Amino acid sequence: MLLAAIPVALPFEPKLVPREKEVMHLVLQGLNTREISQVMNIMESTVCTYRANIFRKLKVKNVKDLAAKVRV
């Protein structure tokens, strides 16, 4: 069961693929890697890859910076 997506306002339109956006929403809801992997039915290593891609593309270093950047 997927959690409802949180509307997010970005100051620009990054090139995140749909699964990266889904991971980003779950990260911003406070889910950890294991929880995200269970919700999305993917490997934890895949979640880590998506998270790394999100951080690289949005030029942030941690979840706190991500939350500040996307203005939830």
PDB file of N, CA and C in Angstrom:
ATOM      1  N   MET A   1       0.844  -1.170   0.000  1.00  0.00           N
ATOM      2  CA  MET A   1       0.000   0.000   0.000  1.00  0.00           C
ATOM      3  C   MET A   1       0.895   1.241   0.000  1.00  0.00           C
ATOM      4  N   LEU A   2       0.741   2.110  -0.966  1.00  0.00           N
ATOM      5  CA  LEU A   2       1.528   3.335  -1.043  1.00  0.00           C
ATOM      6  C   LEU A   2       0.860   4.437  -0.240  1.00  0.00           C
ATOM      7  N   LEU A   3       1.676   5.247   0.363  1.00  0.00           N
ATOM      8  CA  LEU A   3       1.156   6.389   1.101  1.00  0.00           C
ATOM      9  C   LEU A   3       0.787   7.494   0.131  1.00  0.00           C
ATOM     10  N   ALA A   4      -0.143   8.321   0.531  1.00  0.00           N
ATOM     11  CA  ALA A   4      -0.552   9.436  -0.324  1.00  0.00           C
ATOM     12  C   ALA A   4       0.627  10.371  -0.556  1.00  0.00           C
ATOM     13  N   ALA A   5       0.764  10.831  -1.762  1.00  0.00           N
ATOM     14  CA  ALA A   5       1.859  11.739  -2.106  1.00  0.00           C
ATOM     15  C   ALA A   5       1.617  13.103  -1.481  1.00  0.00           C
ATOM     16  N   ILE A   6       2.690  13.686  -0.999  1.00  0.00           N
ATOM     17  CA  ILE A   6       2.638  15.017  -0.417  1.00  0.00           C
ATOM     18  C   ILE A   6       2.850  16.019  -1.538  1.00  0.00           C
ATOM     19  N   PRO A   7       1.980  17.024  -1.667  1.00  0.00           N
ATOM     20  CA  PRO A   7       2.256  18.051  -2.674  1.00  0.00           C
ATOM     21  C   PRO A   7       3.529  18.805  -2.313  1.00  0.00           C
ATOM     22  N   VAL A   8       4.417  18.945  -3.259  1.00  0.00           N
ATOM     23  CA  VAL A   8       5.701  19.590  -3.019  1.00  0.00           C
ATOM     24  C   VAL A   8       5.885  20.694  -4.034  1.00  0.00           C
ATOM     25  N   ALA A   9       6.278  21.878  -3.551  1.00  0.00           N
ATOM     26  CA  ALA A   9       6.556  23.007  -4.431  1.00  0.00           C
ATOM     27  C   ALA A   9       8.068  23.173  -4.547  1.00  0.00           C
ATOM     28  N   LEU A  10       8.592  22.943  -5.719  1.00  0.00           N
ATOM     29  CA  LEU A  10      10.021  23.114  -5.941  1.00  0.00           C
ATOM     30  C   LEU A  10      10.268  24.458  -6.612  1.00  0.00           C
ATOM     31  N   PRO A  11      11.368  25.123  -6.248  1.00  0.00           N
ATOM     32  CA  PRO A  11      11.667  26.420  -6.855  1.00  0.00           C
ATOM     33  C   PRO A  11      12.084  26.287  -8.318  1.00  0.00           C
ATOM     34  N   PHE A  12      12.325  25.082  -8.785  1.00  0.00           N
ATOM     35  CA  PHE A  12      12.694  24.814 -10.163  1.00  0.00           C
ATOM     36  C   PHE A  12      12.232  23.395 -10.462  1.00  0.00           C
ATOM     37  N   GLU A  13      12.300  22.992 -11.681  1.00  0.00           N
ATOM     38  CA  GLU A  13      11.843  21.648 -12.062  1.00  0.00           C
ATOM     39  C   GLU A  13      13.039  20.740 -12.312  1.00  0.00           C
ATOM     40  N   PRO A  14      13.475  19.980 -11.296  1.00  0.00           N
ATOM     41  CA  PRO A  14      14.589  19.058 -11.507  1.00  0.00           C
ATOM     42  C   PRO A  14      14.147  17.877 -12.371  1.00  0.00           C
ATOM     43  N   LYS A  15      15.091  17.164 -12.873  1.00  0.00           N
ATOM     44  CA  LYS A  15      14.800  16.019 -13.731  1.00  0.00           C
ATOM     45  C   LYS A  15      14.725  14.735 -12.905  1.00  0.00           C
ATOM     46  N   LEU A  16      13.820  14.699 -11.937  1.00  0.00           N
ATOM     47  CA  LEU A  16      13.627  13.491 -11.147  1.00  0.00           C
ATOM     48  C   LEU A  16      12.664  12.561 -11.882  1.00  0.00           C
ATOM     49  N   VAL A  17      13.028  11.283 -11.917  1.00  0.00           N
ATOM     50  CA  VAL A  17      12.126  10.296 -12.514  1.00  0.00           C
ATOM     51  C   VAL A  17      10.995  10.026 -11.506  1.00  0.00           C
ATOM     52  N   PRO A  18       9.880   9.481 -11.958  1.00  0.00           N
ATOM     53  CA  PRO A  18       8.747   9.260 -11.053  1.00  0.00           C
ATOM     54  C   PRO A  18       9.085   8.473  -9.789  1.00  0.00           C
ATOM     55  N   ARG A  19       9.917   7.449  -9.887  1.00  0.00           N
ATOM     56  CA  ARG A  19      10.255   6.663  -8.686  1.00  0.00           C
ATOM     57  C   ARG A  19      11.107   7.492  -7.724  1.00  0.00           C
ATOM     58  N   GLU A  20      11.966   8.352  -8.228  1.00  0.00           N
ATOM     59  CA  GLU A  20      12.740   9.236  -7.347  1.00  0.00           C
ATOM     60  C   GLU A  20      11.803  10.191  -6.624  1.00  0.00           C
ATOM     61  N   LYS A  21      10.798  10.701  -7.318  1.00  0.00           N
ATOM     62  CA  LYS A  21       9.826  11.589  -6.682  1.00  0.00           C
ATOM     63  C   LYS A  21       9.069  10.860  -5.593  1.00  0.00           C
ATOM     64  N   GLU A  22       8.720   9.609  -5.849  1.00  0.00           N
ATOM     65  CA  GLU A  22       8.005   8.820  -4.852  1.00  0.00           C
ATOM     66  C   GLU A  22       8.870   8.603  -3.613  1.00  0.00           C
ATOM     67  N   VAL A  23      10.144   8.258  -3.828  1.00  0.00           N
ATOM     68  CA  VAL A  23      11.077   8.089  -2.707  1.00  0.00           C
ATOM     69  C   VAL A  23      11.227   9.405  -1.952  1.00  0.00           C
ATOM     70  N   MET A  24      11.343  10.508  -2.683  1.00  0.00           N
ATOM     71  CA  MET A  24      11.486  11.809  -2.035  1.00  0.00           C
ATOM     72  C   MET A  24      10.294  12.101  -1.128  1.00  0.00           C
ATOM     73  N   HIS A  25       9.081  11.836  -1.601  1.00  0.00           N
ATOM     74  CA  HIS A  25       7.885  12.066  -0.785  1.00  0.00           C
ATOM     75  C   HIS A  25       7.914  11.216   0.485  1.00  0.00           C
ATOM     76  N   LEU A  26       8.329   9.969   0.354  1.00  0.00           N
ATOM     77  CA  LEU A  26       8.373   9.078   1.516  1.00  0.00           C
ATOM     78  C   LEU A  26       9.464   9.498   2.495  1.00  0.00           C
ATOM     79  N   VAL A  27      10.610   9.916   1.970  1.00  0.00           N
ATOM     80  CA  VAL A  27      11.689  10.426   2.831  1.00  0.00           C
ATOM     81  C   VAL A  27      11.193  11.638   3.615  1.00  0.00           C
ATOM     82  N   LEU A  28      10.484  12.530   2.927  1.00  0.00           N
ATOM     83  CA  LEU A  28       9.992  13.744   3.587  1.00  0.00           C
ATOM     84  C   LEU A  28       8.889  13.441   4.598  1.00  0.00           C
ATOM     85  N   GLN A  29       8.258  12.271   4.480  1.00  0.00           N
ATOM     86  CA  GLN A  29       7.270  11.849   5.473  1.00  0.00           C
ATOM     87  C   GLN A  29       7.948  11.226   6.688  1.00  0.00           C
ATOM     88  N   GLY A  30       9.263  11.040   6.610  1.00  0.00           N
ATOM     89  CA  GLY A  30      10.014  10.525   7.746  1.00  0.00           C
ATOM     90  C   GLY A  30      10.278   9.028   7.721  1.00  0.00           C
ATOM     91  N   LEU A  31       9.978   8.356   6.614  1.00  0.00           N
ATOM     92  CA  LEU A  31      10.230   6.923   6.527  1.00  0.00           C
ATOM     93  C   LEU A  31      11.718   6.658   6.339  1.00  0.00           C
ATOM     94  N   ASN A  32      12.184   5.559   6.945  1.00  0.00           N
ATOM     95  CA  ASN A  32      13.585   5.186   6.766  1.00  0.00           C
ATOM     96  C   ASN A  32      13.715   4.268   5.551  1.00  0.00           C
ATOM     97  N   THR A  33      14.936   3.888   5.226  1.00  0.00           N
ATOM     98  CA  THR A  33      15.203   3.105   4.025  1.00  0.00           C
ATOM     99  C   THR A  33      14.437   1.790   4.022  1.00  0.00           C
ATOM    100  N   ARG A  34      14.443   1.089   5.135  1.00  0.00           N
ATOM    101  CA  ARG A  34      13.740  -0.198   5.207  1.00  0.00           C
ATOM    102  C   ARG A  34      12.240  -0.018   4.988  1.00  0.00           C
ATOM    103  N   GLU A  35      11.657   0.989   5.625  1.00  0.00           N
ATOM    104  CA  GLU A  35      10.219   1.247   5.468  1.00  0.00           C
ATOM    105  C   GLU A  35       9.867   1.598   4.021  1.00  0.00           C
ATOM    106  N   ILE A  36      10.694   2.431   3.404  1.00  0.00           N
ATOM    107  CA  ILE A  36      10.457   2.813   2.005  1.00  0.00           C
ATOM    108  C   ILE A  36      10.542   1.580   1.105  1.00  0.00           C
ATOM    109  N   SER A  37      11.520   0.728   1.349  1.00  0.00           N
ATOM    110  CA  SER A  37      11.663  -0.470   0.516  1.00  0.00           C
ATOM    111  C   SER A  37      10.451  -1.382   0.662  1.00  0.00           C
ATOM    112  N   GLN A  38       9.886  -1.467   1.851  1.00  0.00           N
ATOM    113  CA  GLN A  38       8.702  -2.294   2.064  1.00  0.00           C
ATOM    114  C   GLN A  38       7.468  -1.687   1.406  1.00  0.00           C
ATOM    115  N   VAL A  39       7.310  -0.369   1.536  1.00  0.00           N
ATOM    116  CA  VAL A  39       6.157   0.308   0.935  1.00  0.00           C
ATOM    117  C   VAL A  39       6.193   0.200  -0.583  1.00  0.00           C
ATOM    118  N   MET A  40       7.382   0.381  -1.166  1.00  0.00           N
ATOM    119  CA  MET A  40       7.515   0.394  -2.619  1.00  0.00           C
ATOM    120  C   MET A  40       7.802  -0.987  -3.202  1.00  0.00           C
ATOM    121  N   ASN A  41       8.047  -1.970  -2.314  1.00  0.00           N
ATOM    122  CA  ASN A  41       8.362  -3.329  -2.735  1.00  0.00           C
ATOM    123  C   ASN A  41       9.606  -3.371  -3.626  1.00  0.00           C
ATOM    124  N   ILE A  42      10.663  -2.699  -3.151  1.00  0.00           N
ATOM    125  CA  ILE A  42      11.952  -2.690  -3.841  1.00  0.00           C
ATOM    126  C   ILE A  42      13.053  -2.968  -2.822  1.00  0.00           C
ATOM    127  N   MET A  43      14.235  -3.264  -3.299  1.00  0.00           N
ATOM    128  CA  MET A  43      15.369  -3.546  -2.419  1.00  0.00           C
ATOM    129  C   MET A  43      15.819  -2.272  -1.691  1.00  0.00           C
ATOM    130  N   GLU A  44      16.364  -2.462  -0.488  1.00  0.00           N
ATOM    131  CA  GLU A  44      16.884  -1.318   0.254  1.00  0.00           C
ATOM    132  C   GLU A  44      17.995  -0.626  -0.521  1.00  0.00           C
ATOM    133  N   SER A  45      18.805  -1.391  -1.226  1.00  0.00           N
ATOM    134  CA  SER A  45      19.893  -0.791  -2.011  1.00  0.00           C
ATOM    135  C   SER A  45      19.339   0.102  -3.129  1.00  0.00           C
ATOM    136  N   THR A  46      18.184  -0.264  -3.666  1.00  0.00           N
ATOM    137  CA  THR A  46      17.553   0.563  -4.696  1.00  0.00           C
ATOM    138  C   THR A  46      17.075   1.878  -4.100  1.00  0.00           C
ATOM    139  N   VAL A  47      16.531   1.820  -2.894  1.00  0.00           N
ATOM    140  CA  VAL A  47      16.112   3.041  -2.196  1.00  0.00           C
ATOM    141  C   VAL A  47      17.323   3.941  -1.990  1.00  0.00           C
ATOM    142  N   CYS A  48      18.433   3.361  -1.573  1.00  0.00           N
ATOM    143  CA  CYS A  48      19.657   4.144  -1.362  1.00  0.00           C
ATOM    144  C   CYS A  48      20.128   4.800  -2.660  1.00  0.00           C
ATOM    145  N   THR A  49      20.019   4.088  -3.761  1.00  0.00           N
ATOM    146  CA  THR A  49      20.398   4.643  -5.058  1.00  0.00           C
ATOM    147  C   THR A  49      19.500   5.816  -5.433  1.00  0.00           C
ATOM    148  N   TYR A  50      18.181   5.617  -5.274  1.00  0.00           N
ATOM    149  CA  TYR A  50      17.246   6.707  -5.563  1.00  0.00           C
ATOM    150  C   TYR A  50      17.540   7.917  -4.678  1.00  0.00           C
ATOM    151  N   ARG A  51      17.763   7.673  -3.393  1.00  0.00           N
ATOM    152  CA  ARG A  51      18.043   8.772  -2.456  1.00  0.00           C
ATOM    153  C   ARG A  51      19.306   9.518  -2.867  1.00  0.00           C
ATOM    154  N   ALA A  52      20.344   8.793  -3.233  1.00  0.00           N
ATOM    155  CA  ALA A  52      21.599   9.425  -3.668  1.00  0.00           C
ATOM    156  C   ALA A  52      21.371  10.256  -4.933  1.00  0.00           C
ATOM    157  N   ASN A  53      20.581   9.727  -5.869  1.00  0.00           N
ATOM    158  CA  ASN A  53      20.277  10.476  -7.095  1.00  0.00           C
ATOM    159  C   ASN A  53      19.506  11.757  -6.786  1.00  0.00           C
ATOM    160  N   ILE A  54      18.541  11.662  -5.878  1.00  0.00           N
ATOM    161  CA  ILE A  54      17.750  12.832  -5.475  1.00  0.00           C
ATOM    162  C   ILE A  54      18.662  13.898  -4.879  1.00  0.00           C
ATOM    163  N   PHE A  55      19.506  13.491  -3.933  1.00  0.00           N
ATOM    164  CA  PHE A  55      20.401  14.446  -3.273  1.00  0.00           C
ATOM    165  C   PHE A  55      21.342  15.089  -4.284  1.00  0.00           C
ATOM    166  N   ARG A  56      21.873  14.278  -5.218  1.00  0.00           N
ATOM    167  CA  ARG A  56      22.798  14.809  -6.231  1.00  0.00           C
ATOM    168  C   ARG A  56      22.083  15.794  -7.148  1.00  0.00           C
ATOM    169  N   LYS A  57      20.911  15.409  -7.651  1.00  0.00           N
ATOM    170  CA  LYS A  57      20.180  16.253  -8.588  1.00  0.00           C
ATOM    171  C   LYS A  57      19.692  17.550  -7.956  1.00  0.00           C
ATOM    172  N   LEU A  58      19.299  17.483  -6.679  1.00  0.00           N
ATOM    173  CA  LEU A  58      18.804  18.683  -6.003  1.00  0.00           C
ATOM    174  C   LEU A  58      19.911  19.435  -5.266  1.00  0.00           C
ATOM    175  N   LYS A  59      21.124  18.876  -5.327  1.00  0.00           N
ATOM    176  CA  LYS A  59      22.295  19.503  -4.704  1.00  0.00           C
ATOM    177  C   LYS A  59      22.083  19.744  -3.214  1.00  0.00           C
ATOM    178  N   VAL A  60      21.662  18.685  -2.521  1.00  0.00           N
ATOM    179  CA  VAL A  60      21.513  18.723  -1.065  1.00  0.00           C
ATOM    180  C   VAL A  60      22.355  17.598  -0.475  1.00  0.00           C
ATOM    181  N   LYS A  61      22.660  17.732   0.814  1.00  0.00           N
ATOM    182  CA  LYS A  61      23.519  16.745   1.468  1.00  0.00           C
ATOM    183  C   LYS A  61      22.778  15.876   2.480  1.00  0.00           C
ATOM    184  N   ASN A  62      21.581  16.296   2.892  1.00  0.00           N
ATOM    185  CA  ASN A  62      20.844  15.520   3.880  1.00  0.00           C
ATOM    186  C   ASN A  62      19.343  15.816   3.780  1.00  0.00           C
ATOM    187  N   VAL A  63      18.559  15.094   4.575  1.00  0.00           N
ATOM    188  CA  VAL A  63      17.100  15.235   4.528  1.00  0.00           C
ATOM    189  C   VAL A  63      16.665  16.624   4.989  1.00  0.00           C
ATOM    190  N   LYS A  64      17.358  17.170   5.971  1.00  0.00           N
ATOM    191  CA  LYS A  64      17.024  18.514   6.451  1.00  0.00           C
ATOM    192  C   LYS A  64      17.154  19.531   5.314  1.00  0.00           C
ATOM    193  N   ASP A  65      18.252  19.456   4.556  1.00  0.00           N
ATOM    194  CA  ASP A  65      18.447  20.348   3.407  1.00  0.00           C
ATOM    195  C   ASP A  65      17.390  20.103   2.340  1.00  0.00           C
ATOM    196  N   LEU A  66      17.039  18.826   2.130  1.00  0.00           N
ATOM    197  CA  LEU A  66      16.016  18.478   1.143  1.00  0.00           C
ATOM    198  C   LEU A  66      14.682  19.114   1.516  1.00  0.00           C
ATOM    199  N   ALA A  67      14.298  18.982   2.772  1.00  0.00           N
ATOM    200  CA  ALA A  67      13.021  19.550   3.230  1.00  0.00           C
ATOM    201  C   ALA A  67      13.007  21.068   3.064  1.00  0.00           C
ATOM    202  N   ALA A  68      14.118  21.703   3.360  1.00  0.00           N
ATOM    203  CA  ALA A  68      14.203  23.161   3.209  1.00  0.00           C
ATOM    204  C   ALA A  68      14.114  23.562   1.736  1.00  0.00           C
ATOM    205  N   LYS A  69      14.705  22.754   0.876  1.00  0.00           N
ATOM    206  CA  LYS A  69      14.745  23.091  -0.546  1.00  0.00           C
ATOM    207  C   LYS A  69      13.378  22.929  -1.221  1.00  0.00           C
ATOM    208  N   VAL A  70      12.617  21.903  -0.839  1.00  0.00           N
ATOM    209  CA  VAL A  70      11.362  21.639  -1.516  1.00  0.00           C
ATOM    210  C   VAL A  70      10.156  22.300  -0.858  1.00  0.00           C
ATOM    211  N   ARG A  71      10.350  22.908   0.286  1.00  0.00           N
ATOM    212  CA  ARG A  71       9.255  23.637   0.980  1.00  0.00           C
ATOM    213  C   ARG A  71       7.979  22.793   1.053  1.00  0.00           C
ATOM    214  N   VAL A  72       7.992  21.832   1.910  1.00  0.00           N
ATOM    215  CA  VAL A  72       6.825  20.962   2.087  1.00  0.00           C
ATOM    216  C   VAL A  72       5.686  21.743   2.685  1.00  0.00           C
TER     217      VAL A  72
END
